[in-house]
Amino acid sequence: MATLALVAALSVGSSSAASDGKGAEPGSNPLFRDRFTADPAPLVVGDRLFLYVGHDEAQRDEMFNMREWLVYSTTDMKTWTSYPPIMKATDFKWAKKDAWASQAIQKNGKFYFYAAVEHDSAHPGKAIGVAVSDKPTGPFVDARGSALITNEMTPKGTHSWEDIDPTVFTDDDGTTWIAWGNRQAYIAKLKPNMIEIDGPITEITPPHFEEGPWLHKRGGLYYLTYASLDRSTQRDEHVSYATAPSITGPWTYRGLLTGSGKYSFTIHPGIVEFKGAWYIFLHNADLAIGDQSGAIGRRAVTVERLHYNADGTLRPVVQTRAGVTAPP
């Protein structure tokens, strides 16, 4: 999502030119042109890739209006199938609004869905819930009847929305980890039941960390990719990354991976290997639907190929209109 104080300042008087993408080739960016979507989180199940997204419904100058999560799937990275909404924020009975960033993972024959919402007055601030389903397309239901992570569990933060943007990752030994945060990045182990924290919460904040962490592994190297903001030089979020020899670190900052998303203050990476190739999903605000142009609260999901250097570092990613339709 976004640092609300800064976004509020940026949203006043901002302008945005956008493209409706009519006539664009399937697989080109933005991927979906019937709805505004954000915060992409890919999951591969067999020969199909599922992409979980938030649904931007902001009207006029509204900042964020996100009530539900959606999922799409593909077998070829070009033609996508849409499904009914998988869950609403208020399906967590303890939550009152804000279907912010999420990620799903498969384990124990089920699909677990971790998502950021606004907690009710019992635990004010943003919180992370976990839902479960027998199918990747849902519907998902609250797996524990209470938040997995609340604002009180991370007291260092100076604002109420630091517990957002969960990313989940299962290591080779079967242990699943969850990382999240805004301005501070946190990581914790999950119990085998996938609905409880197992042990301490550890801060792992890398340079310029803003939000939107994503964990993945390739070979023996672990990657922490995230939305970054150098407040001394940048107006909008970029994507940066760090690497480590272990999921517990130490993490080494590797620098910028992408520029900002077109017309968008926020950006949100999701990385996956699918049918022998690597991809990074992002979002920008380069989409118009009818008389609604792209904006802070009206974003559009994109995808680009991701390439590694021989030493495991990532090649810089240029965001394009062609996306995966461009020649490799």
C-alpha atoms as a PDB file:
ATOM      1  CA  MET A   1       0.000   0.000   0.000  1.00  0.00           C
ATOM      2  CA  ALA A   2       1.497   3.367   0.912  1.00  0.00           C
ATOM      3  CA  THR A   3       2.725   5.660   3.609  1.00  0.00           C
ATOM      4  CA  LEU A   4      -0.501   7.536   4.173  1.00  0.00           C
ATOM      5  CA  ALA A   5       0.889  10.865   5.338  1.00  0.00           C
ATOM      6  CA  LEU A   6       3.099  11.253   2.283  1.00  0.00           C
ATOM      7  CA  VAL A   7       0.451  10.010  -0.116  1.00  0.00           C
ATOM      8  CA  ALA A   8      -2.025  12.516   1.274  1.00  0.00           C
ATOM      9  CA  ALA A   9       0.406  15.293   0.467  1.00  0.00           C
ATOM     10  CA  LEU A  10       1.064  13.979  -3.019  1.00  0.00           C
ATOM     11  CA  SER A  11      -2.587  13.469  -3.877  1.00  0.00           C
ATOM     12  CA  VAL A  12      -3.529  17.118  -3.579  1.00  0.00           C
ATOM     13  CA  GLY A  13      -3.563  18.756  -6.968  1.00  0.00           C
ATOM     14  CA  SER A  14      -1.914  15.790  -8.677  1.00  0.00           C
ATOM     15  CA  SER A  15      -2.603  15.031 -12.317  1.00  0.00           C
ATOM     16  CA  SER A  16      -2.364  11.769 -14.217  1.00  0.00           C
ATOM     17  CA  ALA A  17      -2.435  10.979 -17.904  1.00  0.00           C
ATOM     18  CA  ALA A  18      -3.329   7.384 -18.555  1.00  0.00           C
ATOM     19  CA  SER A  19      -3.984   4.878 -21.318  1.00  0.00           C
ATOM     20  CA  ASP A  20      -7.047   2.694 -21.617  1.00  0.00           C
ATOM     21  CA  GLY A  21      -5.015   0.038 -23.450  1.00  0.00           C
ATOM     22  CA  LYS A  22      -7.722  -0.609 -26.054  1.00  0.00           C
ATOM     23  CA  GLY A  23      -6.585  -2.960 -28.764  1.00  0.00           C
ATOM     24  CA  ALA A  24      -3.506  -4.017 -26.797  1.00  0.00           C
ATOM     25  CA  GLU A  25      -2.136  -7.497 -27.318  1.00  0.00           C
ATOM     26  CA  PRO A  26      -3.026 -10.048 -24.609  1.00  0.00           C
ATOM     27  CA  GLY A  27      -0.177 -10.222 -22.143  1.00  0.00           C
ATOM     28  CA  SER A  28       0.865  -6.613 -22.634  1.00  0.00           C
ATOM     29  CA  ASN A  29       0.680  -4.066 -19.834  1.00  0.00           C
ATOM     30  CA  PRO A  30      -1.502  -3.411 -17.974  1.00  0.00           C
ATOM     31  CA  LEU A  31      -2.670  -7.006 -17.745  1.00  0.00           C
ATOM     32  CA  PHE A  32      -6.296  -6.345 -16.758  1.00  0.00           C
ATOM     33  CA  ARG A  33      -8.308  -3.478 -18.249  1.00  0.00           C
ATOM     34  CA  ASP A  34     -11.816  -4.055 -16.939  1.00  0.00           C
ATOM     35  CA  ARG A  35     -11.026  -3.166 -13.315  1.00  0.00           C
ATOM     36  CA  PHE A  36      -8.362  -1.270 -11.413  1.00  0.00           C
ATOM     37  CA  THR A  37      -6.046  -3.729  -9.642  1.00  0.00           C
ATOM     38  CA  ALA A  38      -3.019  -3.441  -7.362  1.00  0.00           C
ATOM     39  CA  ASP A  39      -0.575  -5.290  -5.100  1.00  0.00           C
ATOM     40  CA  PRO A  40      -0.012  -8.400  -7.285  1.00  0.00           C
ATOM     41  CA  ALA A  41       0.958 -11.696  -5.620  1.00  0.00           C
ATOM     42  CA  PRO A  42       1.637 -14.707  -7.882  1.00  0.00           C
ATOM     43  CA  LEU A  43       1.279 -18.383  -6.928  1.00  0.00           C
ATOM     44  CA  VAL A  44       2.064 -21.333  -9.186  1.00  0.00           C
ATOM     45  CA  VAL A  45      -0.122 -24.431  -8.811  1.00  0.00           C
ATOM     46  CA  GLY A  46       0.767 -27.178 -11.286  1.00  0.00           C
ATOM     47  CA  ASP A  47       0.770 -25.760 -14.805  1.00  0.00           C
ATOM     48  CA  ARG A  48      -1.252 -22.684 -13.866  1.00  0.00           C
ATOM     49  CA  LEU A  49      -0.212 -19.358 -12.381  1.00  0.00           C
ATOM     50  CA  PHE A  50      -2.687 -17.633 -10.076  1.00  0.00           C
ATOM     51  CA  LEU A  51      -2.381 -13.907  -9.458  1.00  0.00           C
ATOM     52  CA  TYR A  52      -3.985 -12.413  -6.344  1.00  0.00           C
ATOM     53  CA  VAL A  53      -4.690  -8.671  -6.469  1.00  0.00           C
ATOM     54  CA  GLY A  54      -6.465  -5.965  -4.570  1.00  0.00           C
ATOM     55  CA  HIS A  55      -9.393  -4.214  -6.239  1.00  0.00           C
ATOM     56  CA  ASP A  56      -9.026  -0.428  -6.415  1.00  0.00           C
ATOM     57  CA  GLU A  57     -12.418   1.275  -6.345  1.00  0.00           C
ATOM     58  CA  ALA A  58     -11.462   4.878  -5.495  1.00  0.00           C
ATOM     59  CA  GLN A  59     -13.874   7.484  -6.816  1.00  0.00           C
ATOM     60  CA  ARG A  60     -12.867  10.993  -7.911  1.00  0.00           C
ATOM     61  CA  ASP A  61     -10.136  12.206  -5.514  1.00  0.00           C
ATOM     62  CA  GLU A  62     -10.559   9.374  -3.009  1.00  0.00           C
ATOM     63  CA  MET A  63      -7.217   7.981  -1.890  1.00  0.00           C
ATOM     64  CA  PHE A  64      -7.763   4.245  -1.311  1.00  0.00           C
ATOM     65  CA  ASN A  65     -11.043   2.374  -1.471  1.00  0.00           C
ATOM     66  CA  MET A  66     -10.342  -1.369  -1.416  1.00  0.00           C
ATOM     67  CA  ARG A  67     -13.056  -3.736  -0.244  1.00  0.00           C
ATOM     68  CA  GLU A  68     -12.221  -7.127  -1.762  1.00  0.00           C
ATOM     69  CA  TRP A  69      -9.523  -9.319  -3.256  1.00  0.00           C
ATOM     70  CA  LEU A  70      -9.584 -10.820  -6.735  1.00  0.00           C
ATOM     71  CA  VAL A  71      -7.717 -13.623  -8.443  1.00  0.00           C
ATOM     72  CA  TYR A  72      -6.833 -14.304 -12.071  1.00  0.00           C
ATOM     73  CA  SER A  73      -5.042 -17.270 -13.623  1.00  0.00           C
ATOM     74  CA  THR A  74      -3.091 -18.131 -16.750  1.00  0.00           C
ATOM     75  CA  THR A  75      -1.263 -21.028 -18.358  1.00  0.00           C
ATOM     76  CA  ASP A  76       0.639 -18.982 -20.961  1.00  0.00           C
ATOM     77  CA  MET A  77       1.219 -15.527 -19.358  1.00  0.00           C
ATOM     78  CA  LYS A  78      -0.936 -13.954 -22.062  1.00  0.00           C
ATOM     79  CA  THR A  79      -4.527 -15.142 -21.708  1.00  0.00           C
ATOM     80  CA  TRP A  80      -5.989 -14.640 -18.246  1.00  0.00           C
ATOM     81  CA  THR A  81      -9.092 -16.129 -16.608  1.00  0.00           C
ATOM     82  CA  SER A  82     -10.958 -14.074 -14.004  1.00  0.00           C
ATOM     83  CA  TYR A  83     -12.915 -15.473 -11.045  1.00  0.00           C
ATOM     84  CA  PRO A  84     -15.450 -14.122  -8.565  1.00  0.00           C
ATOM     85  CA  PRO A  85     -13.978 -12.133  -5.651  1.00  0.00           C
ATOM     86  CA  ILE A  86     -12.288 -14.533  -3.245  1.00  0.00           C
ATOM     87  CA  MET A  87     -12.912 -12.563  -0.059  1.00  0.00           C
ATOM     88  CA  LYS A  88     -13.932  -9.187   1.356  1.00  0.00           C
ATOM     89  CA  ALA A  89     -12.070  -7.323   4.079  1.00  0.00           C
ATOM     90  CA  THR A  90     -15.108  -7.557   6.330  1.00  0.00           C
ATOM     91  CA  ASP A  91     -15.173 -11.360   5.996  1.00  0.00           C
ATOM     92  CA  PHE A  92     -12.655 -11.056   8.799  1.00  0.00           C
ATOM     93  CA  LYS A  93     -15.325 -10.256  11.386  1.00  0.00           C
ATOM     94  CA  TRP A  94     -12.810  -8.375  13.516  1.00  0.00           C
ATOM     95  CA  ALA A  95     -11.867  -6.081  10.606  1.00  0.00           C
ATOM     96  CA  LYS A  96     -13.795  -3.009   9.525  1.00  0.00           C
ATOM     97  CA  LYS A  97     -12.326  -2.089   6.106  1.00  0.00           C
ATOM     98  CA  ASP A  98      -9.347  -1.929   3.708  1.00  0.00           C
ATOM     99  CA  ALA A  99      -8.578  -5.011   1.612  1.00  0.00           C
ATOM    100  CA  TRP A 100      -4.912  -4.092   1.270  1.00  0.00           C
ATOM    101  CA  ALA A 101      -2.001  -6.205  -0.004  1.00  0.00           C
ATOM    102  CA  SER A 102      -2.105  -9.980   0.293  1.00  0.00           C
ATOM    103  CA  GLN A 103      -0.369 -13.208  -0.669  1.00  0.00           C
ATOM    104  CA  ALA A 104      -1.535 -16.830  -0.891  1.00  0.00           C
ATOM    105  CA  ILE A 105       0.532 -19.969  -0.396  1.00  0.00           C
ATOM    106  CA  GLN A 106      -0.166 -23.694  -0.718  1.00  0.00           C
ATOM    107  CA  LYS A 107       0.620 -26.036   2.162  1.00  0.00           C
ATOM    108  CA  ASN A 108      -0.843 -29.094   3.887  1.00  0.00           C
ATOM    109  CA  GLY A 109      -3.211 -29.630   0.974  1.00  0.00           C
ATOM    110  CA  LYS A 110      -4.833 -26.229   1.532  1.00  0.00           C
ATOM    111  CA  PHE A 111      -4.372 -22.645   0.414  1.00  0.00           C
ATOM    112  CA  TYR A 112      -3.604 -20.001   3.022  1.00  0.00           C
ATOM    113  CA  PHE A 113      -4.256 -16.342   2.308  1.00  0.00           C
ATOM    114  CA  TYR A 114      -2.529 -13.597   4.317  1.00  0.00           C
ATOM    115  CA  ALA A 115      -3.883 -10.070   4.007  1.00  0.00           C
ATOM    116  CA  ALA A 116      -3.695  -6.621   5.553  1.00  0.00           C
ATOM    117  CA  VAL A 117      -6.880  -4.950   6.832  1.00  0.00           C
ATOM    118  CA  GLU A 118      -7.963  -2.270   9.282  1.00  0.00           C
ATOM    119  CA  HIS A 119      -8.733  -3.832  12.667  1.00  0.00           C
ATOM    120  CA  ASP A 120     -11.751  -2.742  14.672  1.00  0.00           C
ATOM    121  CA  SER A 121     -11.429  -0.742  17.891  1.00  0.00           C
ATOM    122  CA  ALA A 122     -10.333  -3.788  19.891  1.00  0.00           C
ATOM    123  CA  HIS A 123      -6.855  -3.482  18.320  1.00  0.00           C
ATOM    124  CA  PRO A 124      -6.704  -0.142  16.485  1.00  0.00           C
ATOM    125  CA  GLY A 125      -4.549   0.107  13.378  1.00  0.00           C
ATOM    126  CA  LYS A 126      -3.668  -2.151  10.525  1.00  0.00           C
ATOM    127  CA  ALA A 127      -3.489  -5.895  11.147  1.00  0.00           C
ATOM    128  CA  ILE A 128      -2.769  -9.077   9.206  1.00  0.00           C
ATOM    129  CA  GLY A 129      -5.313 -11.868   8.973  1.00  0.00           C
ATOM    130  CA  VAL A 130      -5.060 -15.382   7.580  1.00  0.00           C
ATOM    131  CA  ALA A 131      -7.798 -17.184   5.680  1.00  0.00           C
ATOM    132  CA  VAL A 132      -7.962 -20.688   4.240  1.00  0.00           C
ATOM    133  CA  SER A 133      -9.552 -22.494   1.312  1.00  0.00           C
ATOM    134  CA  ASP A 134      -9.445 -25.883  -0.347  1.00  0.00           C
ATOM    135  CA  LYS A 135      -9.024 -24.204  -3.727  1.00  0.00           C
ATOM    136  CA  PRO A 136      -6.719 -21.435  -4.982  1.00  0.00           C
ATOM    137  CA  THR A 137      -9.771 -19.568  -6.275  1.00  0.00           C
ATOM    138  CA  GLY A 138     -11.538 -19.626  -2.911  1.00  0.00           C
ATOM    139  CA  PRO A 139     -13.802 -18.702  -1.380  1.00  0.00           C
ATOM    140  CA  PHE A 140     -11.506 -18.090   1.577  1.00  0.00           C
ATOM    141  CA  VAL A 141     -12.691 -18.013   5.202  1.00  0.00           C
ATOM    142  CA  ASP A 142     -11.019 -16.670   8.318  1.00  0.00           C
ATOM    143  CA  ALA A 143      -8.757 -19.435   9.596  1.00  0.00           C
ATOM    144  CA  ARG A 144      -8.543 -18.356  13.241  1.00  0.00           C
ATOM    145  CA  GLY A 145     -11.253 -15.815  14.074  1.00  0.00           C
ATOM    146  CA  SER A 146      -8.733 -13.199  15.133  1.00  0.00           C
ATOM    147  CA  ALA A 147      -5.794 -11.315  13.657  1.00  0.00           C
ATOM    148  CA  LEU A 148      -2.476 -13.098  13.214  1.00  0.00           C
ATOM    149  CA  ILE A 149      -0.529  -9.851  13.672  1.00  0.00           C
ATOM    150  CA  THR A 150      -1.748  -6.657  15.343  1.00  0.00           C
ATOM    151  CA  ASN A 151      -0.254  -3.221  15.860  1.00  0.00           C
ATOM    152  CA  GLU A 152       0.581  -3.946  19.503  1.00  0.00           C
ATOM    153  CA  MET A 153       2.938  -6.759  18.440  1.00  0.00           C
ATOM    154  CA  THR A 154       5.355  -4.309  16.781  1.00  0.00           C
ATOM    155  CA  PRO A 155       5.601  -1.392  19.227  1.00  0.00           C
ATOM    156  CA  LYS A 156       8.614   0.257  17.588  1.00  0.00           C
ATOM    157  CA  GLY A 157       6.542   1.731  14.775  1.00  0.00           C
ATOM    158  CA  THR A 158       5.546   5.384  14.900  1.00  0.00           C
ATOM    159  CA  HIS A 159       2.297   5.013  12.959  1.00  0.00           C
ATOM    160  CA  SER A 160      -0.736   2.737  12.931  1.00  0.00           C
ATOM    161  CA  TRP A 161      -0.241   1.177   9.486  1.00  0.00           C
ATOM    162  CA  GLU A 162       3.147  -0.482   9.905  1.00  0.00           C
ATOM    163  CA  ASP A 163       1.672  -4.008   9.967  1.00  0.00           C
ATOM    164  CA  ILE A 164       0.746  -4.375   6.301  1.00  0.00           C
ATOM    165  CA  ASP A 165       1.826  -6.147   3.104  1.00  0.00           C
ATOM    166  CA  PRO A 166       2.468  -9.730   4.217  1.00  0.00           C
ATOM    167  CA  THR A 167       4.703 -12.009   2.153  1.00  0.00           C
ATOM    168  CA  VAL A 168       4.940 -15.732   2.897  1.00  0.00           C
ATOM    169  CA  PHE A 169       7.671 -18.170   1.884  1.00  0.00           C
ATOM    170  CA  THR A 170       8.251 -21.875   2.556  1.00  0.00           C
ATOM    171  CA  ASP A 171      11.906 -22.885   2.754  1.00  0.00           C
ATOM    172  CA  ASP A 172      13.418 -26.163   1.591  1.00  0.00           C
ATOM    173  CA  ASP A 173      13.092 -27.635   5.092  1.00  0.00           C
ATOM    174  CA  GLY A 174       9.334 -27.060   5.054  1.00  0.00           C
ATOM    175  CA  THR A 175       9.387 -24.106   7.434  1.00  0.00           C
ATOM    176  CA  THR A 176       7.158 -21.205   6.400  1.00  0.00           C
ATOM    177  CA  TRP A 177       8.083 -17.610   7.164  1.00  0.00           C
ATOM    178  CA  ILE A 178       6.072 -14.416   7.021  1.00  0.00           C
ATOM    179  CA  ALA A 179       7.524 -10.937   6.476  1.00  0.00           C
ATOM    180  CA  TRP A 180       5.670  -7.618   6.415  1.00  0.00           C
ATOM    181  CA  GLY A 181       5.868  -3.945   7.284  1.00  0.00           C
ATOM    182  CA  ASN A 182       5.790  -0.258   6.466  1.00  0.00           C
ATOM    183  CA  ARG A 183       8.937   1.786   7.239  1.00  0.00           C
ATOM    184  CA  GLN A 184      10.085  -1.148   9.386  1.00  0.00           C
ATOM    185  CA  ALA A 185      10.354  -4.660   7.928  1.00  0.00           C
ATOM    186  CA  TYR A 186       9.649  -7.665  10.132  1.00  0.00           C
ATOM    187  CA  ILE A 187       9.986 -11.423   9.765  1.00  0.00           C
ATOM    188  CA  ALA A 188       8.705 -14.338  11.859  1.00  0.00           C
ATOM    189  CA  LYS A 189       8.342 -18.080  11.597  1.00  0.00           C
ATOM    190  CA  LEU A 190       4.906 -19.630  11.253  1.00  0.00           C
ATOM    191  CA  LYS A 191       3.877 -22.761  13.117  1.00  0.00           C
ATOM    192  CA  PRO A 192       3.126 -25.826  10.950  1.00  0.00           C
ATOM    193  CA  ASN A 193      -0.594 -25.070  11.294  1.00  0.00           C
ATOM    194  CA  MET A 194       0.084 -21.837   9.309  1.00  0.00           C
ATOM    195  CA  ILE A 195      -2.142 -19.711  11.557  1.00  0.00           C
ATOM    196  CA  GLU A 196       0.165 -18.911  14.497  1.00  0.00           C
ATOM    197  CA  ILE A 197       3.507 -17.142  14.909  1.00  0.00           C
ATOM    198  CA  ASP A 198       6.252 -19.494  16.135  1.00  0.00           C
ATOM    199  CA  GLY A 199       8.851 -17.607  18.153  1.00  0.00           C
ATOM    200  CA  PRO A 200      10.034 -14.000  18.091  1.00  0.00           C
ATOM    201  CA  ILE A 201       9.312 -11.261  15.577  1.00  0.00           C
ATOM    202  CA  THR A 202      12.601  -9.915  14.185  1.00  0.00           C
ATOM    203  CA  GLU A 203      13.195  -6.583  12.491  1.00  0.00           C
ATOM    204  CA  ILE A 204      15.140  -6.833   9.203  1.00  0.00           C
ATOM    205  CA  THR A 205      14.651  -3.335   7.757  1.00  0.00           C
ATOM    206  CA  PRO A 206      16.886  -2.817   4.681  1.00  0.00           C
ATOM    207  CA  PRO A 207      17.901   0.613   3.308  1.00  0.00           C
ATOM    208  CA  HIS A 208      15.070   2.855   2.090  1.00  0.00           C
ATOM    209  CA  PHE A 209      12.450   0.223   2.983  1.00  0.00           C
ATOM    210  CA  GLU A 210       8.948   1.602   2.610  1.00  0.00           C
ATOM    211  CA  GLU A 211       6.583  -1.390   2.276  1.00  0.00           C
ATOM    212  CA  GLY A 212       5.591  -4.299   0.042  1.00  0.00           C
ATOM    213  CA  PRO A 213       8.249  -6.935   0.889  1.00  0.00           C
ATOM    214  CA  TRP A 214       8.475 -10.116  -1.181  1.00  0.00           C
ATOM    215  CA  LEU A 215      10.529 -13.196  -0.217  1.00  0.00           C
ATOM    216  CA  HIS A 216      11.837 -15.772  -2.680  1.00  0.00           C
ATOM    217  CA  LYS A 217      14.795 -18.084  -3.133  1.00  0.00           C
ATOM    218  CA  ARG A 218      16.872 -19.136  -6.132  1.00  0.00           C
ATOM    219  CA  GLY A 219      19.622 -21.665  -5.688  1.00  0.00           C
ATOM    220  CA  GLY A 220      21.180 -21.023  -2.311  1.00  0.00           C
ATOM    221  CA  LEU A 221      20.397 -17.315  -2.249  1.00  0.00           C
ATOM    222  CA  TYR A 222      17.465 -15.648  -0.515  1.00  0.00           C
ATOM    223  CA  TYR A 223      15.943 -12.444  -1.889  1.00  0.00           C
ATOM    224  CA  LEU A 224      14.027  -9.694  -0.119  1.00  0.00           C
ATOM    225  CA  THR A 225      12.479  -7.409  -2.749  1.00  0.00           C
ATOM    226  CA  TYR A 226      10.473  -4.396  -1.637  1.00  0.00           C
ATOM    227  CA  ALA A 227       8.994  -0.999  -2.389  1.00  0.00           C
ATOM    228  CA  SER A 228      11.656   1.531  -1.475  1.00  0.00           C
ATOM    229  CA  LEU A 229      11.717   5.293  -1.107  1.00  0.00           C
ATOM    230  CA  ASP A 230      14.807   7.465  -0.735  1.00  0.00           C
ATOM    231  CA  ARG A 231      13.070  10.478   0.724  1.00  0.00           C
ATOM    232  CA  SER A 232      16.030  12.737  -0.006  1.00  0.00           C
ATOM    233  CA  THR A 233      15.894  12.199  -3.772  1.00  0.00           C
ATOM    234  CA  GLN A 234      12.677  10.393  -4.787  1.00  0.00           C
ATOM    235  CA  ARG A 235       9.060  11.466  -4.994  1.00  0.00           C
ATOM    236  CA  ASP A 236       7.621   8.007  -5.734  1.00  0.00           C
ATOM    237  CA  GLU A 237       8.387   4.464  -4.637  1.00  0.00           C
ATOM    238  CA  HIS A 238      10.863   2.330  -6.583  1.00  0.00           C
ATOM    239  CA  VAL A 239      11.720  -1.361  -6.128  1.00  0.00           C
ATOM    240  CA  SER A 240      14.945  -2.317  -4.349  1.00  0.00           C
ATOM    241  CA  TYR A 241      16.253  -5.645  -3.110  1.00  0.00           C
ATOM    242  CA  ALA A 242      18.611  -7.357  -0.698  1.00  0.00           C
ATOM    243  CA  THR A 243      20.069 -10.874  -0.614  1.00  0.00           C
ATOM    244  CA  ALA A 244      21.146 -13.247   2.156  1.00  0.00           C
ATOM    245  CA  PRO A 245      22.718 -16.704   2.535  1.00  0.00           C
ATOM    246  CA  SER A 246      19.976 -17.612   5.032  1.00  0.00           C
ATOM    247  CA  ILE A 247      16.359 -16.614   5.555  1.00  0.00           C
ATOM    248  CA  THR A 248      17.467 -15.135   8.875  1.00  0.00           C
ATOM    249  CA  GLY A 249      20.169 -13.038   7.185  1.00  0.00           C
ATOM    250  CA  PRO A 250      22.450 -11.214   7.226  1.00  0.00           C
ATOM    251  CA  TRP A 251      20.805  -9.217   4.435  1.00  0.00           C
ATOM    252  CA  THR A 252      23.008  -7.335   1.977  1.00  0.00           C
ATOM    253  CA  TYR A 253      21.489  -4.373   0.155  1.00  0.00           C
ATOM    254  CA  ARG A 254      21.837  -4.727  -3.626  1.00  0.00           C
ATOM    255  CA  GLY A 255      20.297  -1.474  -4.793  1.00  0.00           C
ATOM    256  CA  LEU A 256      17.476  -0.514  -7.108  1.00  0.00           C
ATOM    257  CA  LEU A 257      15.713  -3.078  -9.283  1.00  0.00           C
ATOM    258  CA  THR A 258      13.086  -0.866 -10.978  1.00  0.00           C
ATOM    259  CA  GLY A 259      12.073   2.733 -11.303  1.00  0.00           C
ATOM    260  CA  SER A 260       8.723   4.015 -10.141  1.00  0.00           C
ATOM    261  CA  GLY A 261       5.407   2.854 -11.586  1.00  0.00           C
ATOM    262  CA  LYS A 262       4.069   5.253 -14.217  1.00  0.00           C
ATOM    263  CA  TYR A 263       1.843   7.923 -12.629  1.00  0.00           C
ATOM    264  CA  SER A 264       1.824   5.940  -9.348  1.00  0.00           C
ATOM    265  CA  PHE A 265       3.245   6.847  -5.958  1.00  0.00           C
ATOM    266  CA  THR A 266       3.166   3.185  -4.884  1.00  0.00           C
ATOM    267  CA  ILE A 267       4.681   0.082  -6.421  1.00  0.00           C
ATOM    268  CA  HIS A 268       4.470  -3.507  -5.217  1.00  0.00           C
ATOM    269  CA  PRO A 269       6.673  -6.407  -6.409  1.00  0.00           C
ATOM    270  CA  GLY A 270       5.665 -10.063  -6.654  1.00  0.00           C
ATOM    271  CA  ILE A 271       8.203 -12.549  -8.047  1.00  0.00           C
ATOM    272  CA  VAL A 272       7.729 -16.116  -9.286  1.00  0.00           C
ATOM    273  CA  GLU A 273       9.260 -18.798 -11.508  1.00  0.00           C
ATOM    274  CA  PHE A 274       6.773 -20.246 -13.989  1.00  0.00           C
ATOM    275  CA  LYS A 275       7.482 -22.843 -16.673  1.00  0.00           C
ATOM    276  CA  GLY A 276      11.222 -22.223 -16.592  1.00  0.00           C
ATOM    277  CA  ALA A 277      11.122 -18.421 -16.670  1.00  0.00           C
ATOM    278  CA  TRP A 278      11.136 -15.788 -13.943  1.00  0.00           C
ATOM    279  CA  TYR A 279       8.671 -12.906 -13.759  1.00  0.00           C
ATOM    280  CA  ILE A 280       8.148  -9.809 -11.641  1.00  0.00           C
ATOM    281  CA  PHE A 281       4.653  -8.401 -11.209  1.00  0.00           C
ATOM    282  CA  LEU A 282       4.212  -4.722 -10.373  1.00  0.00           C
ATOM    283  CA  HIS A 283       1.573  -2.011 -10.614  1.00  0.00           C
ATOM    284  CA  ASN A 284       1.336   1.492 -12.016  1.00  0.00           C
ATOM    285  CA  ALA A 285      -1.499   3.969 -12.657  1.00  0.00           C
ATOM    286  CA  ASP A 286      -1.352   3.907 -16.457  1.00  0.00           C
ATOM    287  CA  LEU A 287      -4.937   2.828 -17.112  1.00  0.00           C
ATOM    288  CA  ALA A 288      -8.176   4.667 -17.785  1.00  0.00           C
ATOM    289  CA  ILE A 289     -11.588   3.010 -17.583  1.00  0.00           C
ATOM    290  CA  GLY A 290     -14.377   5.126 -18.981  1.00  0.00           C
ATOM    291  CA  ASP A 291     -14.045   8.582 -17.478  1.00  0.00           C
ATOM    292  CA  GLN A 292     -11.825   7.360 -14.631  1.00  0.00           C
ATOM    293  CA  SER A 293      -8.120   7.927 -15.115  1.00  0.00           C
ATOM    294  CA  GLY A 294      -5.330   6.223 -13.240  1.00  0.00           C
ATOM    295  CA  ALA A 295      -4.597   7.670  -9.804  1.00  0.00           C
ATOM    296  CA  ILE A 296      -3.141   6.911  -6.379  1.00  0.00           C
ATOM    297  CA  GLY A 297      -6.189   4.758  -5.667  1.00  0.00           C
ATOM    298  CA  ARG A 298      -6.777   3.493  -9.222  1.00  0.00           C
ATOM    299  CA  ARG A 299      -3.850   1.327 -10.232  1.00  0.00           C
ATOM    300  CA  ALA A 300      -3.159  -1.375 -12.814  1.00  0.00           C
ATOM    301  CA  VAL A 301      -1.124  -4.579 -12.516  1.00  0.00           C
ATOM    302  CA  THR A 302       1.773  -5.225 -14.903  1.00  0.00           C
ATOM    303  CA  VAL A 303       4.380  -7.939 -15.486  1.00  0.00           C
ATOM    304  CA  GLU A 304       7.948  -8.065 -16.818  1.00  0.00           C
ATOM    305  CA  ARG A 305      10.525 -10.788 -17.259  1.00  0.00           C
ATOM    306  CA  LEU A 306      13.129 -11.074 -14.501  1.00  0.00           C
ATOM    307  CA  HIS A 307      16.736 -12.034 -15.236  1.00  0.00           C
ATOM    308  CA  TYR A 308      19.631 -13.038 -12.992  1.00  0.00           C
ATOM    309  CA  ASN A 309      23.335 -12.407 -13.406  1.00  0.00           C
ATOM    310  CA  ALA A 310      25.837 -15.225 -12.933  1.00  0.00           C
ATOM    311  CA  ASP A 311      26.578 -14.063  -9.383  1.00  0.00           C
ATOM    312  CA  GLY A 312      22.901 -14.188  -8.408  1.00  0.00           C
ATOM    313  CA  THR A 313      22.256 -10.454  -8.557  1.00  0.00           C
ATOM    314  CA  LEU A 314      19.224  -9.258 -10.481  1.00  0.00           C
ATOM    315  CA  ARG A 315      19.404  -7.343 -13.724  1.00  0.00           C
ATOM    316  CA  PRO A 316      17.590  -4.004 -13.626  1.00  0.00           C
ATOM    317  CA  VAL A 317      13.994  -4.237 -14.832  1.00  0.00           C
ATOM    318  CA  VAL A 318      12.626  -1.693 -17.299  1.00  0.00           C
ATOM    319  CA  GLN A 319       8.857  -1.315 -17.139  1.00  0.00           C
ATOM    320  CA  THR A 320       7.263  -1.499 -20.588  1.00  0.00           C
ATOM    321  CA  ARG A 321       3.919  -1.461 -22.366  1.00  0.00           C
ATOM    322  CA  ALA A 322       4.839  -4.670 -24.202  1.00  0.00           C
ATOM    323  CA  GLY A 323       5.451  -6.709 -21.040  1.00  0.00           C
ATOM    324  CA  VAL A 324       5.839 -10.396 -21.824  1.00  0.00           C
ATOM    325  CA  THR A 325       4.689  -9.894 -25.433  1.00  0.00           C
ATOM    326  CA  ALA A 326       8.083  -8.388 -26.234  1.00  0.00           C
ATOM    327  CA  PRO A 327      10.736 -10.803 -27.604  1.00  0.00           C
ATOM    328  CA  PRO A 328      12.789 -12.365 -24.785  1.00  0.00           C
END
